[in-house]
PDB file of N, CA and C in Angstrom:
ATOM      1  N   MET A   1     165.183-131.609 128.064  1.00  0.00           N
ATOM      2  CA  MET A   1     164.763-130.514 128.922  1.00  0.00           C
ATOM      3  C   MET A   1     164.045-131.127 130.121  1.00  0.00           C
ATOM      4  N   ARG A   2     164.415-130.663 131.292  1.00  0.00           N
ATOM      5  CA  ARG A   2     163.800-131.102 132.541  1.00  0.00           C
ATOM      6  C   ARG A   2     162.933-130.001 133.099  1.00  0.00           C
ATOM      7  N   LYS A   3     161.919-130.376 133.860  1.00  0.00           N
ATOM      8  CA  LYS A   3     161.066-129.401 134.529  1.00  0.00           C
ATOM      9  C   LYS A   3     161.130-129.646 136.025  1.00  0.00           C
ATOM     10  N   ILE A   4     161.156-128.576 136.812  1.00  0.00           N
ATOM     11  CA  ILE A   4     161.187-128.700 138.265  1.00  0.00           C
ATOM     12  C   ILE A   4     159.973-127.984 138.838  1.00  0.00           C
ATOM     13  N   TYR A   5     159.253-128.692 139.703  1.00  0.00           N
ATOM     14  CA  TYR A   5     158.080-128.127 140.352  1.00  0.00           C
ATOM     15  C   TYR A   5     158.270-127.972 141.862  1.00  0.00           C
ATOM     16  N   SER A   6     159.338-128.538 142.433  1.00  0.00           N
ATOM     17  CA  SER A   6     159.533-128.514 143.886  1.00  0.00           C
ATOM     18  C   SER A   6     159.937-127.117 144.367  1.00  0.00           C
ATOM     19  N   PRO A   7     159.700-126.795 145.655  1.00  0.00           N
ATOM     20  CA  PRO A   7     159.995-125.454 146.160  1.00  0.00           C
ATOM     21  C   PRO A   7     161.491-125.137 146.275  1.00  0.00           C
ATOM     22  N   ILE A   8     162.325-126.155 146.479  1.00  0.00           N
ATOM     23  CA  ILE A   8     163.771-125.953 146.583  1.00  0.00           C
ATOM     24  C   ILE A   8     164.438-126.774 145.495  1.00  0.00           C
ATOM     25  N   PHE A   9     165.383-126.164 144.767  1.00  0.00           N
ATOM     26  CA  PHE A   9     166.062-126.877 143.686  1.00  0.00           C
ATOM     27  C   PHE A   9     167.518-126.450 143.628  1.00  0.00           C
ATOM     28  N   ILE A  10     168.334-127.285 142.991  1.00  0.00           N
ATOM     29  CA  ILE A  10     169.760-126.995 142.804  1.00  0.00           C
ATOM     30  C   ILE A  10     170.090-127.205 141.334  1.00  0.00           C
ATOM     31  N   LEU A  11     170.689-126.196 140.709  1.00  0.00           N
ATOM     32  CA  LEU A  11     171.163-126.316 139.329  1.00  0.00           C
ATOM     33  C   LEU A  11     172.665-126.558 139.356  1.00  0.00           C
ATOM     34  N   ARG A  12     173.120-127.504 138.558  1.00  0.00           N
ATOM     35  CA  ARG A  12     174.545-127.812 138.467  1.00  0.00           C
ATOM     36  C   ARG A  12     175.250-126.738 137.635  1.00  0.00           C
ATOM     37  N   PRO A  13     176.592-126.653 137.725  1.00  0.00           N
ATOM     38  CA  PRO A  13     177.331-125.608 136.985  1.00  0.00           C
ATOM     39  C   PRO A  13     177.126-125.625 135.474  1.00  0.00           C
ATOM     40  N   PHE A  14     176.794-126.770 134.896  1.00  0.00           N
ATOM     41  CA  PHE A  14     176.608-126.859 133.444  1.00  0.00           C
ATOM     42  C   PHE A  14     175.145-126.736 133.033  1.00  0.00           C
ATOM     43  N   GLU A  15     174.277-126.323 133.942  1.00  0.00           N
ATOM     44  CA  GLU A  15     172.857-126.170 133.635  1.00  0.00           C
ATOM     45  C   GLU A  15     172.428-124.714 133.767  1.00  0.00           C
ATOM     46  N   ARG A  16     171.431-124.336 132.985  1.00  0.00           N
ATOM     47  CA  ARG A  16     170.808-123.020 133.094  1.00  0.00           C
ATOM     48  C   ARG A  16     169.300-123.244 133.095  1.00  0.00           C
ATOM     49  N   GLY A  17     168.579-122.344 133.729  1.00  0.00           N
ATOM     50  CA  GLY A  17     167.139-122.524 133.818  1.00  0.00           C
ATOM     51  C   GLY A  17     166.373-121.263 133.469  1.00  0.00           C
ATOM     52  N   ILE A  18     165.123-121.452 133.121  1.00  0.00           N
ATOM     53  CA  ILE A  18     164.202-120.353 132.882  1.00  0.00           C
ATOM     54  C   ILE A  18     163.023-120.562 133.813  1.00  0.00           C
ATOM     55  N   GLN A  19     162.704-119.545 134.592  1.00  0.00           N
ATOM     56  CA  GLN A  19     161.580-119.650 135.509  1.00  0.00           C
ATOM     57  C   GLN A  19     160.343-119.046 134.858  1.00  0.00           C
ATOM     58  N   GLU A  20     159.261-119.804 134.896  1.00  0.00           N
ATOM     59  CA  GLU A  20     157.980-119.334 134.359  1.00  0.00           C
ATOM     60  C   GLU A  20     157.020-119.115 135.516  1.00  0.00           C
ATOM     61  N   GLN A  21     156.269-118.048 135.424  1.00  0.00           N
ATOM     62  CA  GLN A  21     155.241-117.748 136.418  1.00  0.00           C
ATOM     63  C   GLN A  21     153.898-117.828 135.715  1.00  0.00           C
ATOM     64  N   LEU A  22     153.121-118.846 136.049  1.00  0.00           N
ATOM     65  CA  LEU A  22     151.827-119.110 135.417  1.00  0.00           C
ATOM     66  C   LEU A  22     151.952-119.203 133.893  1.00  0.00           C
ATOM     67  N   GLY A  23     153.038-119.838 133.424  1.00  0.00           N
ATOM     68  CA  GLY A  23     153.233-120.075 131.997  1.00  0.00           C
ATOM     69  C   GLY A  23     153.956-118.990 131.234  1.00  0.00           C
ATOM     70  N   LYS A  24     154.279-117.859 131.869  1.00  0.00           N
ATOM     71  CA  LYS A  24     154.993-116.773 131.195  1.00  0.00           C
ATOM     72  C   LYS A  24     156.407-116.646 131.754  1.00  0.00           C
ATOM     73  N   TYR A  25     157.342-116.234 130.884  1.00  0.00           N
ATOM     74  CA  TYR A  25     158.721-116.047 131.302  1.00  0.00           C
ATOM     75  C   TYR A  25     158.801-115.052 132.457  1.00  0.00           C
ATOM     76  N   ARG A  26     159.580-115.404 133.492  1.00  0.00           N
ATOM     77  CA  ARG A  26     159.771-114.500 134.632  1.00  0.00           C
ATOM     78  C   ARG A  26     161.214-114.064 134.757  1.00  0.00           C
ATOM     79  N   ARG A  27     162.161-115.052 134.757  1.00  0.00           N
ATOM     80  CA  ARG A  27     163.578-114.705 134.896  1.00  0.00           C
ATOM     81  C   ARG A  27     164.454-115.865 134.473  1.00  0.00           C
ATOM     82  N   PHE A  28     165.734-115.550 134.282  1.00  0.00           N
ATOM     83  CA  PHE A  28     166.764-116.519 133.941  1.00  0.00           C
ATOM     84  C   PHE A  28     167.370-117.022 135.242  1.00  0.00           C
ATOM     85  N   VAL A  29     167.560-118.336 135.399  1.00  0.00           N
ATOM     86  CA  VAL A  29     168.064-118.920 136.641  1.00  0.00           C
ATOM     87  C   VAL A  29     169.480-119.438 136.420  1.00  0.00           C
ATOM     88  N   MET A  30     170.425-118.997 137.267  1.00  0.00           N
ATOM     89  CA  MET A  30     171.822-119.404 137.193  1.00  0.00           C
ATOM     90  C   MET A  30     172.060-120.608 138.103  1.00  0.00           C
ATOM     91  N   PRO A  31     173.216-121.295 137.960  1.00  0.00           N
ATOM     92  CA  PRO A  31     173.523-122.462 138.794  1.00  0.00           C
ATOM     93  C   PRO A  31     173.558-122.118 140.278  1.00  0.00           C
ATOM     94  N   GLY A  32     173.225-123.113 141.094  1.00  0.00           N
ATOM     95  CA  GLY A  32     173.240-122.948 142.548  1.00  0.00           C
ATOM     96  C   GLY A  32     171.894-123.295 143.152  1.00  0.00           C
ATOM     97  N   LEU A  33     171.735-122.916 144.409  1.00  0.00           N
ATOM     98  CA  LEU A  33     170.517-123.184 145.149  1.00  0.00           C
ATOM     99  C   LEU A  33     169.442-122.168 144.784  1.00  0.00           C
ATOM    100  N   GLY A  34     168.217-122.649 144.625  1.00  0.00           N
ATOM    101  CA  GLY A  34     167.130-121.751 144.264  1.00  0.00           C
ATOM    102  C   GLY A  34     165.843-122.115 144.977  1.00  0.00           C
ATOM    103  N   PHE A  35     164.954-121.133 145.061  1.00  0.00           N
ATOM    104  CA  PHE A  35     163.659-121.312 145.696  1.00  0.00           C
ATOM    105  C   PHE A  35     162.563-120.823 144.759  1.00  0.00           C
ATOM    106  N   GLN A  36     161.393-121.443 144.869  1.00  0.00           N
ATOM    107  CA  GLN A  36     160.254-121.033 144.056  1.00  0.00           C
ATOM    108  C   GLN A  36     158.951-121.419 144.762  1.00  0.00           C
ATOM    109  N   ILE A  37     157.863-120.850 144.295  1.00  0.00           N
ATOM    110  CA  ILE A  37     156.541-121.174 144.826  1.00  0.00           C
ATOM    111  C   ILE A  37     155.945-122.265 143.943  1.00  0.00           C
ATOM    112  N   PRO A  38     155.690-123.481 144.495  1.00  0.00           N
ATOM    113  CA  PRO A  38     155.130-124.555 143.670  1.00  0.00           C
ATOM    114  C   PRO A  38     153.777-124.156 143.073  1.00  0.00           C
ATOM    115  N   ILE A  39     153.429-124.727 141.976  1.00  0.00           N
ATOM    116  CA  ILE A  39     152.199-124.515 141.204  1.00  0.00           C
ATOM    117  C   ILE A  39     152.250-123.174 140.461  1.00  0.00           C
ATOM    118  N   VAL A  40     152.660-122.096 141.116  1.00  0.00           N
ATOM    119  CA  VAL A  40     152.738-120.781 140.470  1.00  0.00           C
ATOM    120  C   VAL A  40     153.967-120.695 139.573  1.00  0.00           C
ATOM    121  N   HIS A  41     155.117-121.190 140.063  1.00  0.00           N
ATOM    122  CA  HIS A  41     156.371-121.134 139.316  1.00  0.00           C
ATOM    123  C   HIS A  41     156.769-122.520 138.825  1.00  0.00           C
ATOM    124  N   MET A  42     157.492-122.545 137.695  1.00  0.00           N
ATOM    125  CA  MET A  42     158.051-123.775 137.157  1.00  0.00           C
ATOM    126  C   MET A  42     159.399-123.431 136.530  1.00  0.00           C
ATOM    127  N   ILE A  43     160.393-124.286 136.758  1.00  0.00           N
ATOM    128  CA  ILE A  43     161.726-124.086 136.192  1.00  0.00           C
ATOM    129  C   ILE A  43     161.938-125.090 135.062  1.00  0.00           C
ATOM    130  N   ARG A  44     162.372-124.595 133.906  1.00  0.00           N
ATOM    131  CA  ARG A  44     162.768-125.457 132.790  1.00  0.00           C
ATOM    132  C   ARG A  44     164.289-125.410 132.720  1.00  0.00           C
ATOM    133  N   ILE A  45     164.926-126.584 132.752  1.00  0.00           N
ATOM    134  CA  ILE A  45     166.385-126.667 132.818  1.00  0.00           C
ATOM    135  C   ILE A  45     166.948-127.210 131.509  1.00  0.00           C
ATOM    136  N   ARG A  46     168.019-126.571 131.033  1.00  0.00           N
ATOM    137  CA  ARG A  46     168.733-127.000 129.833  1.00  0.00           C
ATOM    138  C   ARG A  46     170.185-127.285 130.167  1.00  0.00           C
ATOM    139  N   ASP A  47     170.754-128.283 129.528  1.00  0.00           N
ATOM    140  CA  ASP A  47     172.173-128.608 129.660  1.00  0.00           C
ATOM    141  C   ASP A  47     172.922-127.775 128.613  1.00  0.00           C
ATOM    142  N   VAL A  48     173.905-126.986 129.027  1.00  0.00           N
ATOM    143  CA  VAL A  48     174.602-126.098 128.094  1.00  0.00           C
ATOM    144  C   VAL A  48     175.990-126.617 127.699  1.00  0.00           C
ATOM    145  N   ARG A  49     176.282-127.886 128.023  1.00  0.00           N
ATOM    146  CA  ARG A  49     177.563-128.464 127.614  1.00  0.00           C
ATOM    147  C   ARG A  49     177.569-128.696 126.105  1.00  0.00           C
ATOM    148  N   GLU A  50     178.768-128.743 125.540  1.00  0.00           N
ATOM    149  CA  GLU A  50     178.896-129.002 124.101  1.00  0.00           C
ATOM    150  C   GLU A  50     178.647-130.470 123.812  1.00  0.00           C
ATOM    151  N   HIS A  51     177.953-130.751 122.730  1.00  0.00           N
ATOM    152  CA  HIS A  51     177.695-132.111 122.292  1.00  0.00           C
ATOM    153  C   HIS A  51     178.226-132.239 120.870  1.00  0.00           C
ATOM    154  N   THR A  52     178.876-133.370 120.572  1.00  0.00           N
ATOM    155  CA  THR A  52     179.393-133.581 119.219  1.00  0.00           C
ATOM    156  C   THR A  52     178.517-134.587 118.485  1.00  0.00           C
ATOM    157  N   MET A  53     178.469-134.420 117.175  1.00  0.00           N
ATOM    158  CA  MET A  53     177.695-135.324 116.333  1.00  0.00           C
ATOM    159  C   MET A  53     178.539-135.651 115.108  1.00  0.00           C
ATOM    160  N   ASP A  54     178.733-136.936 114.855  1.00  0.00           N
ATOM    161  CA  ASP A  54     179.537-137.375 113.720  1.00  0.00           C
ATOM    162  C   ASP A  54     178.684-137.364 112.454  1.00  0.00           C
ATOM    163  N   ILE A  55     179.251-136.817 111.383  1.00  0.00           N
ATOM    164  CA  ILE A  55     178.585-136.817 110.077  1.00  0.00           C
ATOM    165  C   ILE A  55     179.265-137.885 109.239  1.00  0.00           C
ATOM    166  N   HIS A  56     178.501-138.847 108.758  1.00  0.00           N
ATOM    167  CA  HIS A  56     179.052-139.964 107.995  1.00  0.00           C
ATOM    168  C   HIS A  56     179.635-139.477 106.664  1.00  0.00           C
ATOM    169  N   PRO A  57     180.688-140.167 106.172  1.00  0.00           N
ATOM    170  CA  PRO A  57     181.283-139.783 104.887  1.00  0.00           C
ATOM    171  C   PRO A  57     180.258-139.832 103.752  1.00  0.00           C
ATOM    172  N   GLN A  58     180.337-138.832 102.879  1.00  0.00           N
ATOM    173  CA  GLN A  58     179.407-138.744 101.756  1.00  0.00           C
ATOM    174  C   GLN A  58     180.191-138.447 100.485  1.00  0.00           C
ATOM    175  N   PRO A  59     179.823-139.082  99.383  1.00  0.00           N
ATOM    176  CA  PRO A  59     180.505-138.779  98.117  1.00  0.00           C
ATOM    177  C   PRO A  59     180.030-137.430  97.547  1.00  0.00           C
ATOM    178  N   VAL A  60     180.988-136.659  97.067  1.00  0.00           N
ATOM    179  CA  VAL A  60     180.684-135.337  96.501  1.00  0.00           C
ATOM    180  C   VAL A  60     181.424-135.212  95.170  1.00  0.00           C
ATOM    181  N   ILE A  61     180.763-134.632  94.174  1.00  0.00           N
ATOM    182  CA  ILE A  61     181.403-134.393  92.877  1.00  0.00           C
ATOM    183  C   ILE A  61     181.776-132.916  92.798  1.00  0.00           C
ATOM    184  N   THR A  62     183.057-132.643  92.531  1.00  0.00           N
ATOM    185  CA  THR A  62     183.547-131.261  92.467  1.00  0.00           C
ATOM    186  C   THR A  62     183.273-130.663  91.084  1.00  0.00           C
ATOM    187  N   LYS A  63     183.624-129.369  90.902  1.00  0.00           N
ATOM    188  CA  LYS A  63     183.394-128.687  89.620  1.00  0.00           C
ATOM    189  C   LYS A  63     184.156-129.335  88.463  1.00  0.00           C
ATOM    190  N   ASP A  64     185.333-129.912  88.800  1.00  0.00           N
ATOM    191  CA  ASP A  64     186.121-130.540  87.738  1.00  0.00           C
ATOM    192  C   ASP A  64     185.828-132.038  87.616  1.00  0.00           C
ATOM    193  N   ASN A  65     184.608-132.461  88.037  1.00  0.00           N
ATOM    194  CA  ASN A  65     184.106-133.837  87.913  1.00  0.00           C
ATOM    195  C   ASN A  65     184.977-134.888  88.608  1.00  0.00           C
ATOM    196  N   VAL A  66     185.500-134.538  89.766  1.00  0.00           N
ATOM    197  CA  VAL A  66     186.259-135.491  90.567  1.00  0.00           C
ATOM    198  C   VAL A  66     185.398-135.865  91.769  1.00  0.00           C
ATOM    199  N   GLU A  67     185.254-137.165  92.039  1.00  0.00           N
ATOM    200  CA  GLU A  67     184.456-137.592  93.172  1.00  0.00           C
ATOM    201  C   GLU A  67     185.355-137.749  94.399  1.00  0.00           C
ATOM    202  N   ILE A  68     184.964-137.114  95.496  1.00  0.00           N
ATOM    203  CA  ILE A  68     185.723-137.210  96.743  1.00  0.00           C
ATOM    204  C   ILE A  68     184.764-137.570  97.868  1.00  0.00           C
ATOM    205  N   GLN A  69     185.322-138.067  98.963  1.00  0.00           N
ATOM    206  CA  GLN A  69     184.533-138.386 100.161  1.00  0.00           C
ATOM    207  C   GLN A  69     184.699-137.253 101.161  1.00  0.00           C
ATOM    208  N   VAL A  70     183.589-136.725 101.651  1.00  0.00           N
ATOM    209  CA  VAL A  70     183.611-135.633 102.638  1.00  0.00           C
ATOM    210  C   VAL A  70     183.115-136.183 103.961  1.00  0.00           C
ATOM    211  N   ASP A  71     183.892-135.952 105.023  1.00  0.00           N
ATOM    212  CA  ASP A  71     183.556-136.413 106.366  1.00  0.00           C
ATOM    213  C   ASP A  71     183.642-135.220 107.295  1.00  0.00           C
ATOM    214  N   GLY A  72     182.860-135.222 108.361  1.00  0.00           N
ATOM    215  CA  GLY A  72     182.899-134.076 109.261  1.00  0.00           C
ATOM    216  C   GLY A  72     182.403-134.399 110.652  1.00  0.00           C
ATOM    217  N   ILE A  73     182.648-133.466 111.546  1.00  0.00           N
ATOM    218  CA  ILE A  73     182.141-133.528 112.920  1.00  0.00           C
ATOM    219  C   ILE A  73     181.507-132.176 113.217  1.00  0.00           C
ATOM    220  N   MET A  74     180.306-132.223 113.698  1.00  0.00           N
ATOM    221  CA  MET A  74     179.604-130.985 114.023  1.00  0.00           C
ATOM    222  C   MET A  74     179.509-130.864 115.528  1.00  0.00           C
TER     223      MET A  74
END
């Protein structure tokens, strides 16, 4: 998560932001050019692209007592 304090900012197409006014939620910020009042406002930016995580193979015992390896991607 990134924070922006400058008066002029640009959000990329894969980013979304939340603007806080004195620490409280004010509005949702969409991609593009934006303006804010420094010190009073702060933008928190999140990357909304998909991220993959590999799950290592793990041994599992089934109901009929057969051991198999389970692998996955989340």
